[in-house]
Amino acid sequence: MNLKRIVWIALVVFICSLLVWKYSSEDPTKKNDVEKKKVLKVEQISTDFNLNKFSSNEEIKLLKEIGICDSTQADDNNLDNPSCSPRFFRFFKLNKSKELKDGFMLLVRAGVNAFPVRRLLIFERENGQLVKTNGFVGYIIERRVVEGNYDDIVVRFFERYENQKYFYNCLYSWKNGRYVYVNCEAINDARLKPEKADSVSIEVEKILNENKLVF
């Protein structure tokens, strides 16, 4: 092989490697660089809003603050104009070291404010104001206690595609001030096979984003 050909091959390889780096770095569907944390305890979560109760008046104050309910509404069966009732809203503490008023996860009943399915909203107080860090068109089904102040959570999403129902159980971990997607763990309650978990998780994240199931 002559010197000219060797130089040409080296140049082609170099250009190809640059293109691979460029497109892999720009690809929004690439696998997230989020380390899985050691799980210390797992809490399964199921919510029956008809049995739900508030622990204090603090929850009502927080609902008023974010403006998601009508504090003058006495009828706790009105989904279009919901009262600040535990029949519509369930609170979960967000940060182990902070009070509920400074950070919480709020599960909202299906039908509230004319929204057809359950939603999970995450709020944290910044400079005295409650700021929404995450919104999920889904509901929390599991809390995993990990080291640090923010636990990992598993959110269950629903999608209908070509007259078929799909449920996605997805793991989220706190990073840089918000919950970020780690991976999909199960579809229709069937756990993903390890050899397919990464590629399927990427596709599920695309589905969640395209269908605006995360906001």
N, C-alpha and C. Protein backbone atom coordinates (compact mmCIF):
# COMPACT_ATOMS: atom_id res chain seq x y z
N MET A 1 0.85 -1.19 0.00
CA MET A 1 0.00 0.00 0.00
C MET A 1 0.89 1.24 0.00
N ASN A 2 0.66 2.15 -0.98
CA ASN A 2 1.53 3.31 -1.06
C ASN A 2 1.16 4.37 -0.04
N LEU A 3 2.05 5.33 0.14
CA LEU A 3 1.88 6.35 1.17
C LEU A 3 0.63 7.20 0.93
N LYS A 4 0.34 7.50 -0.35
CA LYS A 4 -0.82 8.32 -0.67
C LYS A 4 -2.11 7.67 -0.20
N ARG A 5 -2.22 6.34 -0.41
CA ARG A 5 -3.44 5.62 -0.01
C ARG A 5 -3.56 5.56 1.51
N ILE A 6 -2.45 5.37 2.19
CA ILE A 6 -2.47 5.32 3.66
C ILE A 6 -2.98 6.66 4.22
N VAL A 7 -2.50 7.75 3.66
CA VAL A 7 -2.93 9.08 4.12
C VAL A 7 -4.42 9.28 3.87
N TRP A 8 -4.91 8.81 2.70
CA TRP A 8 -6.32 8.95 2.36
C TRP A 8 -7.21 8.17 3.32
N ILE A 9 -6.84 6.94 3.63
CA ILE A 9 -7.62 6.11 4.56
C ILE A 9 -7.65 6.75 5.95
N ALA A 10 -6.50 7.25 6.38
CA ALA A 10 -6.43 7.89 7.69
C ALA A 10 -7.33 9.11 7.76
N LEU A 11 -7.40 9.87 6.65
CA LEU A 11 -8.24 11.06 6.61
C LEU A 11 -9.72 10.69 6.67
N VAL A 12 -10.12 9.65 5.93
CA VAL A 12 -11.51 9.19 5.94
C VAL A 12 -11.92 8.73 7.34
N VAL A 13 -11.07 7.96 8.00
CA VAL A 13 -11.36 7.47 9.35
C VAL A 13 -11.53 8.63 10.32
N PHE A 14 -10.67 9.65 10.18
CA PHE A 14 -10.73 10.81 11.07
C PHE A 14 -12.04 11.57 10.87
N ILE A 15 -12.43 11.78 9.60
CA ILE A 15 -13.67 12.52 9.32
C ILE A 15 -14.88 11.75 9.84
N CYS A 16 -14.89 10.42 9.63
CA CYS A 16 -16.01 9.60 10.10
C CYS A 16 -16.14 9.65 11.62
N SER A 17 -15.01 9.61 12.30
CA SER A 17 -15.04 9.65 13.77
C SER A 17 -15.59 10.98 14.26
N LEU A 18 -15.28 12.09 13.53
CA LEU A 18 -15.82 13.39 13.90
C LEU A 18 -17.34 13.42 13.71
N LEU A 19 -17.82 12.83 12.61
CA LEU A 19 -19.26 12.81 12.36
C LEU A 19 -19.99 11.97 13.40
N VAL A 20 -19.43 10.84 13.79
CA VAL A 20 -20.04 10.00 14.82
C VAL A 20 -20.13 10.75 16.13
N TRP A 21 -19.07 11.46 16.49
CA TRP A 21 -19.08 12.23 17.74
C TRP A 21 -20.12 13.34 17.68
N LYS A 22 -20.20 14.04 16.51
CA LYS A 22 -21.14 15.15 16.37
C LYS A 22 -22.56 14.69 16.54
N TYR A 23 -22.97 13.65 15.83
CA TYR A 23 -24.37 13.25 15.86
C TYR A 23 -24.73 12.54 17.15
N SER A 24 -23.81 11.84 17.74
CA SER A 24 -24.11 11.20 19.03
C SER A 24 -24.25 12.24 20.12
N SER A 25 -23.49 13.34 20.02
CA SER A 25 -23.56 14.38 21.05
C SER A 25 -24.80 15.24 20.88
N GLU A 26 -25.37 15.29 19.65
CA GLU A 26 -26.55 16.11 19.41
C GLU A 26 -27.83 15.31 19.52
N ASP A 27 -27.73 14.01 19.55
CA ASP A 27 -28.93 13.16 19.53
C ASP A 27 -29.69 13.29 20.85
N PRO A 28 -30.91 13.85 20.85
CA PRO A 28 -31.64 14.03 22.09
C PRO A 28 -32.19 12.74 22.65
N THR A 29 -32.13 11.64 21.88
CA THR A 29 -32.67 10.38 22.36
C THR A 29 -31.59 9.46 22.90
N LYS A 30 -30.36 9.94 23.01
CA LYS A 30 -29.31 9.08 23.54
C LYS A 30 -29.56 8.76 25.00
N LYS A 31 -28.94 7.71 25.49
CA LYS A 31 -29.12 7.26 26.86
C LYS A 31 -28.65 8.33 27.83
N ASN A 32 -29.46 8.60 28.85
CA ASN A 32 -29.11 9.63 29.81
C ASN A 32 -27.95 9.19 30.67
N ASP A 33 -27.10 10.16 30.97
CA ASP A 33 -25.94 9.89 31.82
C ASP A 33 -26.34 10.12 33.27
N VAL A 34 -27.15 9.23 33.79
CA VAL A 34 -27.62 9.33 35.17
C VAL A 34 -27.28 8.03 35.88
N GLU A 35 -26.48 8.14 36.91
CA GLU A 35 -26.08 6.94 37.65
C GLU A 35 -27.22 6.43 38.50
N LYS A 36 -27.41 5.11 38.49
CA LYS A 36 -28.39 4.53 39.39
C LYS A 36 -27.82 4.52 40.80
N LYS A 37 -28.67 4.91 41.75
CA LYS A 37 -28.22 5.01 43.13
C LYS A 37 -28.56 3.74 43.91
N LYS A 38 -27.82 3.53 44.97
CA LYS A 38 -28.08 2.38 45.83
C LYS A 38 -29.40 2.59 46.57
N VAL A 39 -30.29 1.63 46.43
CA VAL A 39 -31.62 1.74 47.04
C VAL A 39 -31.58 1.17 48.46
N LEU A 40 -31.99 2.00 49.42
CA LEU A 40 -31.99 1.59 50.82
C LEU A 40 -33.33 1.00 51.25
N LYS A 41 -34.40 1.47 50.60
CA LYS A 41 -35.74 1.01 50.98
C LYS A 41 -36.68 1.32 49.83
N VAL A 42 -37.69 0.46 49.65
CA VAL A 42 -38.67 0.66 48.58
C VAL A 42 -40.06 0.80 49.18
N GLU A 43 -40.76 1.84 48.77
CA GLU A 43 -42.14 2.06 49.23
C GLU A 43 -43.08 2.00 48.03
N GLN A 44 -43.96 1.01 48.02
CA GLN A 44 -44.98 0.93 46.98
C GLN A 44 -46.09 1.93 47.30
N ILE A 45 -46.60 2.60 46.28
CA ILE A 45 -47.59 3.66 46.49
C ILE A 45 -48.84 3.39 45.65
N SER A 46 -49.98 3.38 46.33
CA SER A 46 -51.28 3.26 45.68
C SER A 46 -52.18 4.34 46.26
N THR A 47 -52.96 4.99 45.42
CA THR A 47 -53.76 6.11 45.90
C THR A 47 -55.24 5.92 45.60
N ASP A 48 -56.04 5.90 46.67
CA ASP A 48 -57.50 5.95 46.57
C ASP A 48 -57.91 7.32 47.09
N PHE A 49 -58.27 8.22 46.19
CA PHE A 49 -58.57 9.58 46.60
C PHE A 49 -59.78 9.67 47.52
N ASN A 50 -60.68 8.72 47.43
CA ASN A 50 -61.85 8.74 48.30
C ASN A 50 -61.49 8.47 49.76
N LEU A 51 -60.31 7.87 49.98
CA LEU A 51 -59.85 7.59 51.34
C LEU A 51 -58.74 8.54 51.78
N ASN A 52 -58.32 9.40 50.88
CA ASN A 52 -57.19 10.28 51.17
C ASN A 52 -57.56 11.37 52.18
N LYS A 53 -56.59 11.74 53.03
CA LYS A 53 -56.79 12.80 54.02
C LYS A 53 -55.55 13.69 54.07
N PHE A 54 -55.74 14.95 54.44
CA PHE A 54 -54.63 15.86 54.67
C PHE A 54 -54.17 15.71 56.11
N SER A 55 -52.89 15.93 56.34
CA SER A 55 -52.34 15.81 57.69
C SER A 55 -52.51 17.08 58.50
N SER A 56 -52.69 18.23 57.81
CA SER A 56 -52.86 19.51 58.50
C SER A 56 -53.45 20.52 57.53
N ASN A 57 -53.60 21.76 57.98
CA ASN A 57 -54.10 22.83 57.11
C ASN A 57 -53.02 23.31 56.14
N GLU A 58 -51.79 22.84 56.33
CA GLU A 58 -50.69 23.27 55.47
C GLU A 58 -50.95 22.92 54.01
N GLU A 59 -51.52 21.74 53.77
CA GLU A 59 -51.79 21.32 52.40
C GLU A 59 -52.76 22.28 51.69
N ILE A 60 -53.80 22.72 52.39
CA ILE A 60 -54.76 23.64 51.79
C ILE A 60 -54.09 24.97 51.44
N LYS A 61 -53.23 25.45 52.32
CA LYS A 61 -52.50 26.70 52.06
C LYS A 61 -51.64 26.58 50.81
N LEU A 62 -51.00 25.42 50.66
CA LEU A 62 -50.13 25.22 49.49
C LEU A 62 -50.94 25.13 48.20
N LEU A 63 -52.09 24.48 48.25
CA LEU A 63 -52.96 24.40 47.08
C LEU A 63 -53.42 25.79 46.65
N LYS A 64 -53.77 26.61 47.64
CA LYS A 64 -54.16 27.99 47.33
C LYS A 64 -52.99 28.76 46.72
N GLU A 65 -51.81 28.52 47.23
CA GLU A 65 -50.64 29.26 46.76
C GLU A 65 -50.35 28.98 45.29
N ILE A 66 -50.50 27.74 44.87
CA ILE A 66 -50.21 27.41 43.46
C ILE A 66 -51.45 27.62 42.57
N GLY A 67 -52.59 27.92 43.18
CA GLY A 67 -53.78 28.28 42.42
C GLY A 67 -54.42 27.16 41.65
N ILE A 68 -54.40 25.97 42.21
CA ILE A 68 -54.91 24.81 41.48
C ILE A 68 -56.33 24.44 41.89
N CYS A 69 -56.89 25.12 42.92
CA CYS A 69 -58.23 24.80 43.40
C CYS A 69 -58.95 26.08 43.79
N ASP A 70 -60.24 25.94 44.08
CA ASP A 70 -61.08 27.06 44.48
C ASP A 70 -61.38 26.94 45.97
N SER A 71 -60.79 27.82 46.76
CA SER A 71 -60.94 27.75 48.22
C SER A 71 -62.35 28.10 48.68
N THR A 72 -63.16 28.68 47.79
CA THR A 72 -64.54 29.03 48.16
C THR A 72 -65.52 27.93 47.76
N GLN A 73 -65.05 26.93 47.04
CA GLN A 73 -65.91 25.85 46.56
C GLN A 73 -66.18 24.87 47.70
N ALA A 74 -67.47 24.65 48.00
CA ALA A 74 -67.85 23.75 49.08
C ALA A 74 -68.12 22.34 48.57
N ASP A 75 -68.44 22.21 47.30
CA ASP A 75 -68.78 20.91 46.71
C ASP A 75 -67.50 20.17 46.33
N ASP A 76 -67.23 19.06 47.02
CA ASP A 76 -66.01 18.31 46.69
C ASP A 76 -66.27 17.21 45.67
N ASN A 77 -67.34 17.39 44.87
CA ASN A 77 -67.60 16.49 43.75
C ASN A 77 -67.48 17.22 42.42
N ASN A 78 -67.14 18.49 42.46
CA ASN A 78 -67.05 19.30 41.24
C ASN A 78 -65.62 19.24 40.70
N LEU A 79 -65.40 18.44 39.69
CA LEU A 79 -64.06 18.28 39.12
C LEU A 79 -63.64 19.47 38.26
N ASP A 80 -64.62 20.11 37.62
CA ASP A 80 -64.30 21.25 36.75
C ASP A 80 -63.85 22.46 37.56
N ASN A 81 -64.43 22.64 38.74
CA ASN A 81 -64.05 23.74 39.62
C ASN A 81 -63.76 23.14 41.00
N PRO A 82 -62.61 22.46 41.13
CA PRO A 82 -62.37 21.64 42.33
C PRO A 82 -62.14 22.45 43.60
N SER A 83 -62.67 21.94 44.68
CA SER A 83 -62.37 22.50 45.99
C SER A 83 -60.97 22.05 46.40
N CYS A 84 -60.45 22.67 47.44
CA CYS A 84 -59.11 22.31 47.93
C CYS A 84 -59.25 21.11 48.87
N SER A 85 -59.62 19.99 48.29
CA SER A 85 -60.01 18.81 49.06
C SER A 85 -59.03 17.65 48.85
N PRO A 86 -58.83 16.83 49.90
CA PRO A 86 -57.99 15.63 49.73
C PRO A 86 -58.62 14.60 48.80
N ARG A 87 -59.86 14.80 48.41
CA ARG A 87 -60.48 13.91 47.42
C ARG A 87 -59.94 14.18 46.02
N PHE A 88 -59.22 15.30 45.88
CA PHE A 88 -58.68 15.67 44.57
C PHE A 88 -57.16 15.72 44.53
N PHE A 89 -56.53 15.89 45.70
CA PHE A 89 -55.09 16.13 45.74
C PHE A 89 -54.43 15.32 46.85
N ARG A 90 -53.26 14.74 46.52
CA ARG A 90 -52.48 14.03 47.54
C ARG A 90 -51.04 14.56 47.53
N PHE A 91 -50.53 14.83 48.72
CA PHE A 91 -49.19 15.39 48.88
C PHE A 91 -48.17 14.32 49.28
N PHE A 92 -46.95 14.49 48.75
CA PHE A 92 -45.80 13.69 49.17
C PHE A 92 -44.65 14.65 49.42
N LYS A 93 -43.91 14.43 50.49
CA LYS A 93 -42.77 15.28 50.78
C LYS A 93 -41.69 15.06 49.73
N LEU A 94 -41.03 16.15 49.34
CA LEU A 94 -40.01 16.07 48.30
C LEU A 94 -38.61 15.89 48.86
N ASN A 95 -38.26 16.72 49.83
CA ASN A 95 -36.90 16.76 50.36
C ASN A 95 -36.91 16.36 51.83
N LYS A 96 -36.06 15.39 52.20
CA LYS A 96 -36.06 14.89 53.57
C LYS A 96 -35.69 15.95 54.59
N SER A 97 -34.90 16.94 54.17
CA SER A 97 -34.39 17.94 55.12
C SER A 97 -35.22 19.22 55.13
N LYS A 98 -36.26 19.29 54.28
CA LYS A 98 -37.09 20.49 54.21
C LYS A 98 -38.52 20.19 54.62
N GLU A 99 -39.20 21.22 55.08
CA GLU A 99 -40.62 21.08 55.41
C GLU A 99 -41.45 20.97 54.13
N LEU A 100 -42.66 20.46 54.28
CA LEU A 100 -43.54 20.27 53.13
C LEU A 100 -43.76 21.57 52.37
N LYS A 101 -43.86 22.68 53.08
CA LYS A 101 -44.13 23.97 52.43
C LYS A 101 -43.00 24.40 51.50
N ASP A 102 -41.83 23.80 51.66
CA ASP A 102 -40.68 24.19 50.84
C ASP A 102 -40.38 23.21 49.72
N GLY A 103 -41.18 22.16 49.60
CA GLY A 103 -40.99 21.22 48.51
C GLY A 103 -41.92 20.04 48.63
N PHE A 104 -42.63 19.71 47.55
CA PHE A 104 -43.58 18.60 47.62
C PHE A 104 -43.88 18.06 46.23
N MET A 105 -44.36 16.81 46.22
CA MET A 105 -44.92 16.20 45.03
C MET A 105 -46.43 16.18 45.21
N LEU A 106 -47.15 16.59 44.18
CA LEU A 106 -48.61 16.68 44.27
C LEU A 106 -49.24 15.79 43.21
N LEU A 107 -49.99 14.80 43.68
CA LEU A 107 -50.74 13.92 42.78
C LEU A 107 -52.14 14.49 42.63
N VAL A 108 -52.57 14.66 41.38
CA VAL A 108 -53.87 15.27 41.09
C VAL A 108 -54.80 14.23 40.49
N ARG A 109 -56.00 14.17 41.01
CA ARG A 109 -56.98 13.18 40.58
C ARG A 109 -57.37 13.37 39.11
N ALA A 110 -57.65 12.27 38.43
CA ALA A 110 -58.13 12.33 37.05
C ALA A 110 -59.43 13.11 36.99
N GLY A 111 -59.58 13.97 35.99
CA GLY A 111 -60.79 14.75 35.82
C GLY A 111 -60.71 16.14 36.40
N VAL A 112 -59.76 16.38 37.30
CA VAL A 112 -59.64 17.71 37.91
C VAL A 112 -59.23 18.73 36.85
N ASN A 113 -59.94 19.87 36.85
CA ASN A 113 -59.70 20.93 35.85
C ASN A 113 -59.84 20.40 34.43
N ALA A 114 -60.75 19.44 34.25
CA ALA A 114 -61.07 18.87 32.93
C ALA A 114 -59.91 18.10 32.32
N PHE A 115 -58.93 17.72 33.15
CA PHE A 115 -57.82 16.92 32.63
C PHE A 115 -58.19 15.45 32.83
N PRO A 116 -58.17 14.63 31.78
CA PRO A 116 -58.78 13.29 31.85
C PRO A 116 -58.04 12.26 32.71
N VAL A 117 -56.74 12.45 32.94
CA VAL A 117 -55.98 11.43 33.68
C VAL A 117 -55.22 12.07 34.85
N ARG A 118 -54.64 11.23 35.68
CA ARG A 118 -53.89 11.72 36.82
C ARG A 118 -52.62 12.44 36.38
N ARG A 119 -52.22 13.43 37.20
CA ARG A 119 -50.97 14.15 36.96
C ARG A 119 -50.14 14.18 38.24
N LEU A 120 -48.84 14.23 38.07
CA LEU A 120 -47.92 14.39 39.20
C LEU A 120 -47.12 15.66 38.96
N LEU A 121 -47.24 16.61 39.91
CA LEU A 121 -46.56 17.89 39.79
C LEU A 121 -45.54 18.02 40.92
N ILE A 122 -44.34 18.49 40.59
CA ILE A 122 -43.27 18.62 41.57
C ILE A 122 -42.98 20.11 41.77
N PHE A 123 -42.99 20.54 43.03
CA PHE A 123 -42.73 21.95 43.36
C PHE A 123 -41.63 22.05 44.40
N GLU A 124 -40.79 23.07 44.23
CA GLU A 124 -39.79 23.39 45.24
C GLU A 124 -39.71 24.91 45.37
N ARG A 125 -39.52 25.36 46.60
CA ARG A 125 -39.49 26.80 46.84
C ARG A 125 -38.11 27.37 46.54
N GLU A 126 -38.10 28.43 45.75
CA GLU A 126 -36.87 29.13 45.39
C GLU A 126 -37.09 30.63 45.61
N ASN A 127 -36.23 31.23 46.40
CA ASN A 127 -36.34 32.66 46.70
C ASN A 127 -37.74 33.03 47.18
N GLY A 128 -38.30 32.14 48.00
CA GLY A 128 -39.60 32.40 48.60
C GLY A 128 -40.79 32.01 47.76
N GLN A 129 -40.58 31.63 46.49
CA GLN A 129 -41.67 31.28 45.59
C GLN A 129 -41.65 29.80 45.26
N LEU A 130 -42.84 29.19 45.18
CA LEU A 130 -42.92 27.80 44.74
C LEU A 130 -42.76 27.74 43.22
N VAL A 131 -41.81 26.92 42.79
CA VAL A 131 -41.50 26.77 41.36
C VAL A 131 -41.75 25.32 40.96
N LYS A 132 -42.45 25.13 39.84
CA LYS A 132 -42.68 23.77 39.35
C LYS A 132 -41.41 23.28 38.66
N THR A 133 -40.84 22.21 39.18
CA THR A 133 -39.64 21.65 38.58
C THR A 133 -39.96 20.57 37.56
N ASN A 134 -41.05 19.86 37.76
CA ASN A 134 -41.45 18.78 36.85
C ASN A 134 -42.96 18.67 36.77
N GLY A 135 -43.42 18.19 35.64
CA GLY A 135 -44.82 17.81 35.48
C GLY A 135 -44.89 16.50 34.72
N PHE A 136 -45.69 15.57 35.20
CA PHE A 136 -45.84 14.26 34.56
C PHE A 136 -47.32 13.98 34.33
N VAL A 137 -47.68 13.56 33.14
CA VAL A 137 -49.03 13.06 32.89
C VAL A 137 -48.98 11.58 33.24
N GLY A 138 -48.90 11.33 34.51
CA GLY A 138 -48.75 9.99 35.05
C GLY A 138 -48.85 10.08 36.56
N TYR A 139 -48.63 8.96 37.24
CA TYR A 139 -48.77 8.97 38.70
C TYR A 139 -47.67 8.14 39.34
N ILE A 140 -47.33 8.53 40.56
CA ILE A 140 -46.25 7.87 41.28
C ILE A 140 -46.74 6.52 41.81
N ILE A 141 -45.95 5.47 41.56
CA ILE A 141 -46.31 4.14 42.05
C ILE A 141 -45.26 3.57 43.00
N GLU A 142 -44.11 4.24 43.08
CA GLU A 142 -43.05 3.71 43.92
C GLU A 142 -42.09 4.83 44.32
N ARG A 143 -41.66 4.77 45.55
CA ARG A 143 -40.64 5.69 46.06
C ARG A 143 -39.48 4.85 46.56
N ARG A 144 -38.27 5.18 46.09
CA ARG A 144 -37.09 4.41 46.49
C ARG A 144 -36.16 5.30 47.30
N VAL A 145 -36.00 4.94 48.55
CA VAL A 145 -35.15 5.72 49.45
C VAL A 145 -33.69 5.49 49.07
N VAL A 146 -32.99 6.59 48.79
CA VAL A 146 -31.58 6.53 48.44
C VAL A 146 -30.83 7.52 49.33
N GLU A 147 -29.52 7.46 49.29
CA GLU A 147 -28.74 8.42 50.06
C GLU A 147 -28.96 9.82 49.52
N GLY A 148 -28.97 10.79 50.40
CA GLY A 148 -29.25 12.15 49.99
C GLY A 148 -30.67 12.54 50.35
N ASN A 149 -31.04 13.76 50.03
CA ASN A 149 -32.33 14.30 50.47
C ASN A 149 -33.48 14.02 49.52
N TYR A 150 -33.19 13.60 48.29
CA TYR A 150 -34.25 13.37 47.30
C TYR A 150 -34.29 11.89 46.92
N ASP A 151 -35.42 11.26 47.14
CA ASP A 151 -35.57 9.85 46.79
C ASP A 151 -35.81 9.70 45.29
N ASP A 152 -35.50 8.53 44.77
CA ASP A 152 -35.88 8.19 43.40
C ASP A 152 -37.37 7.86 43.39
N ILE A 153 -38.01 8.06 42.25
CA ILE A 153 -39.43 7.74 42.12
C ILE A 153 -39.67 6.96 40.83
N VAL A 154 -40.72 6.14 40.85
CA VAL A 154 -41.16 5.44 39.65
C VAL A 154 -42.53 6.01 39.27
N VAL A 155 -42.63 6.50 38.03
CA VAL A 155 -43.87 7.11 37.54
C VAL A 155 -44.47 6.20 36.47
N ARG A 156 -45.77 6.01 36.55
CA ARG A 156 -46.48 5.15 35.59
C ARG A 156 -47.22 6.04 34.59
N PHE A 157 -46.92 5.84 33.31
CA PHE A 157 -47.53 6.60 32.23
C PHE A 157 -48.46 5.71 31.43
N PHE A 158 -49.45 6.34 30.78
CA PHE A 158 -50.38 5.62 29.93
C PHE A 158 -50.38 6.21 28.53
N GLU A 159 -50.42 5.33 27.53
CA GLU A 159 -50.51 5.77 26.14
C GLU A 159 -51.42 4.80 25.39
N ARG A 160 -52.21 5.35 24.47
CA ARG A 160 -53.02 4.52 23.58
C ARG A 160 -52.47 4.68 22.17
N TYR A 161 -52.10 3.56 21.55
CA TYR A 161 -51.53 3.60 20.22
C TYR A 161 -52.15 2.49 19.38
N GLU A 162 -52.79 2.90 18.27
CA GLU A 162 -53.46 1.96 17.36
C GLU A 162 -54.38 1.02 18.13
N ASN A 163 -55.25 1.64 18.93
CA ASN A 163 -56.27 0.94 19.72
C ASN A 163 -55.72 -0.03 20.76
N GLN A 164 -54.44 0.11 21.07
CA GLN A 164 -53.82 -0.69 22.11
C GLN A 164 -53.40 0.21 23.28
N LYS A 165 -53.53 -0.32 24.49
CA LYS A 165 -53.13 0.43 25.67
C LYS A 165 -51.72 0.02 26.08
N TYR A 166 -50.92 1.02 26.45
CA TYR A 166 -49.56 0.77 26.91
C TYR A 166 -49.32 1.53 28.21
N PHE A 167 -48.76 0.83 29.18
CA PHE A 167 -48.38 1.45 30.44
C PHE A 167 -46.86 1.34 30.59
N TYR A 168 -46.24 2.46 30.91
CA TYR A 168 -44.78 2.51 31.05
C TYR A 168 -44.43 2.88 32.49
N ASN A 169 -43.66 2.02 33.15
CA ASN A 169 -43.16 2.33 34.49
C ASN A 169 -41.73 2.84 34.35
N CYS A 170 -41.53 4.13 34.69
CA CYS A 170 -40.25 4.78 34.42
C CYS A 170 -39.61 5.31 35.70
N LEU A 171 -38.31 5.11 35.80
CA LEU A 171 -37.54 5.55 36.96
C LEU A 171 -37.00 6.96 36.74
N TYR A 172 -37.16 7.81 37.78
CA TYR A 172 -36.64 9.17 37.75
C TYR A 172 -35.77 9.42 38.98
N SER A 173 -34.71 10.17 38.77
CA SER A 173 -33.76 10.48 39.84
C SER A 173 -33.51 11.98 39.87
N TRP A 174 -33.30 12.54 41.06
CA TRP A 174 -33.11 13.98 41.19
C TRP A 174 -31.70 14.37 40.78
N LYS A 175 -31.62 15.38 39.90
CA LYS A 175 -30.32 15.85 39.45
C LYS A 175 -30.44 17.31 38.99
N ASN A 176 -29.55 18.16 39.49
CA ASN A 176 -29.50 19.56 39.07
C ASN A 176 -30.85 20.26 39.22
N GLY A 177 -31.51 20.04 40.35
CA GLY A 177 -32.71 20.79 40.67
C GLY A 177 -34.01 20.28 40.08
N ARG A 178 -34.00 19.06 39.54
CA ARG A 178 -35.24 18.50 39.00
C ARG A 178 -35.10 16.99 38.85
N TYR A 179 -36.23 16.32 38.64
CA TYR A 179 -36.19 14.89 38.36
C TYR A 179 -35.86 14.65 36.90
N VAL A 180 -34.94 13.74 36.65
CA VAL A 180 -34.54 13.41 35.28
C VAL A 180 -34.78 11.93 35.02
N TYR A 181 -35.09 11.64 33.77
CA TYR A 181 -35.39 10.27 33.34
C TYR A 181 -34.14 9.40 33.43
N VAL A 182 -34.30 8.23 34.04
CA VAL A 182 -33.20 7.26 34.11
C VAL A 182 -33.43 6.16 33.08
N ASN A 183 -34.55 5.48 33.20
CA ASN A 183 -34.87 4.43 32.24
C ASN A 183 -36.31 3.96 32.43
N CYS A 184 -36.76 3.17 31.46
CA CYS A 184 -38.04 2.48 31.57
C CYS A 184 -37.77 1.10 32.15
N GLU A 185 -38.55 0.71 33.14
CA GLU A 185 -38.32 -0.58 33.79
C GLU A 185 -39.31 -1.66 33.35
N ALA A 186 -40.53 -1.24 32.98
CA ALA A 186 -41.54 -2.23 32.60
C ALA A 186 -42.55 -1.61 31.65
N ILE A 187 -43.06 -2.44 30.74
CA ILE A 187 -44.14 -2.05 29.83
C ILE A 187 -45.28 -3.03 30.03
N ASN A 188 -46.46 -2.50 30.32
CA ASN A 188 -47.63 -3.33 30.64
C ASN A 188 -47.28 -4.35 31.73
N ASP A 189 -46.53 -3.88 32.71
CA ASP A 189 -46.12 -4.65 33.90
C ASP A 189 -45.18 -5.82 33.60
N ALA A 190 -44.67 -5.90 32.38
CA ALA A 190 -43.65 -6.90 32.04
C ALA A 190 -42.29 -6.21 32.08
N ARG A 191 -41.40 -6.66 32.94
CA ARG A 191 -40.09 -6.03 33.06
C ARG A 191 -39.28 -6.22 31.79
N LEU A 192 -38.53 -5.19 31.42
CA LEU A 192 -37.72 -5.25 30.21
C LEU A 192 -36.56 -6.22 30.40
N LYS A 193 -36.23 -6.95 29.34
CA LYS A 193 -35.08 -7.84 29.38
C LYS A 193 -33.81 -6.99 29.42
N PRO A 194 -32.82 -7.40 30.22
CA PRO A 194 -31.59 -6.60 30.37
C PRO A 194 -30.93 -6.24 29.06
N GLU A 195 -30.93 -7.17 28.10
CA GLU A 195 -30.24 -6.91 26.83
C GLU A 195 -30.97 -5.90 25.95
N LYS A 196 -32.24 -5.63 26.26
CA LYS A 196 -33.01 -4.68 25.47
C LYS A 196 -33.36 -3.41 26.25
N ALA A 197 -33.01 -3.39 27.53
CA ALA A 197 -33.45 -2.30 28.41
C ALA A 197 -33.00 -0.93 27.92
N ASP A 198 -31.73 -0.80 27.52
CA ASP A 198 -31.22 0.51 27.11
C ASP A 198 -31.91 1.03 25.85
N SER A 199 -32.00 0.20 24.83
CA SER A 199 -32.59 0.65 23.57
C SER A 199 -34.08 0.94 23.71
N VAL A 200 -34.79 0.09 24.45
CA VAL A 200 -36.23 0.31 24.66
C VAL A 200 -36.46 1.56 25.50
N SER A 201 -35.61 1.79 26.51
CA SER A 201 -35.75 2.98 27.35
C SER A 201 -35.62 4.26 26.54
N ILE A 202 -34.71 4.26 25.57
CA ILE A 202 -34.53 5.42 24.70
C ILE A 202 -35.80 5.68 23.90
N GLU A 203 -36.40 4.62 23.36
CA GLU A 203 -37.62 4.77 22.57
C GLU A 203 -38.79 5.23 23.44
N VAL A 204 -38.87 4.72 24.66
CA VAL A 204 -39.96 5.14 25.57
C VAL A 204 -39.82 6.61 25.92
N GLU A 205 -38.59 7.06 26.16
CA GLU A 205 -38.40 8.49 26.46
C GLU A 205 -38.86 9.36 25.28
N LYS A 206 -38.59 8.91 24.05
CA LYS A 206 -39.07 9.63 22.87
C LYS A 206 -40.59 9.71 22.86
N ILE A 207 -41.24 8.61 23.21
CA ILE A 207 -42.71 8.57 23.24
C ILE A 207 -43.25 9.55 24.28
N LEU A 208 -42.64 9.56 25.47
CA LEU A 208 -43.09 10.47 26.53
C LEU A 208 -42.97 11.92 26.10
N ASN A 209 -41.86 12.25 25.44
CA ASN A 209 -41.64 13.63 25.00
C ASN A 209 -42.57 14.01 23.85
N GLU A 210 -42.70 13.13 22.88
CA GLU A 210 -43.51 13.42 21.69
C GLU A 210 -44.99 13.57 22.05
N ASN A 211 -45.44 12.80 23.04
CA ASN A 211 -46.85 12.87 23.45
C ASN A 211 -47.09 13.85 24.59
N LYS A 212 -46.02 14.61 24.93
CA LYS A 212 -46.13 15.63 25.98
C LYS A 212 -46.62 15.03 27.31
N LEU A 213 -46.14 13.84 27.62
CA LEU A 213 -46.47 13.22 28.89
C LEU A 213 -45.55 13.70 30.00
N VAL A 214 -44.52 14.43 29.63
CA VAL A 214 -43.67 15.12 30.60
C VAL A 214 -43.61 16.58 30.19
N PHE A 215 -43.63 17.47 31.18
CA PHE A 215 -43.66 18.90 30.84
C PHE A 215 -43.06 19.72 31.98
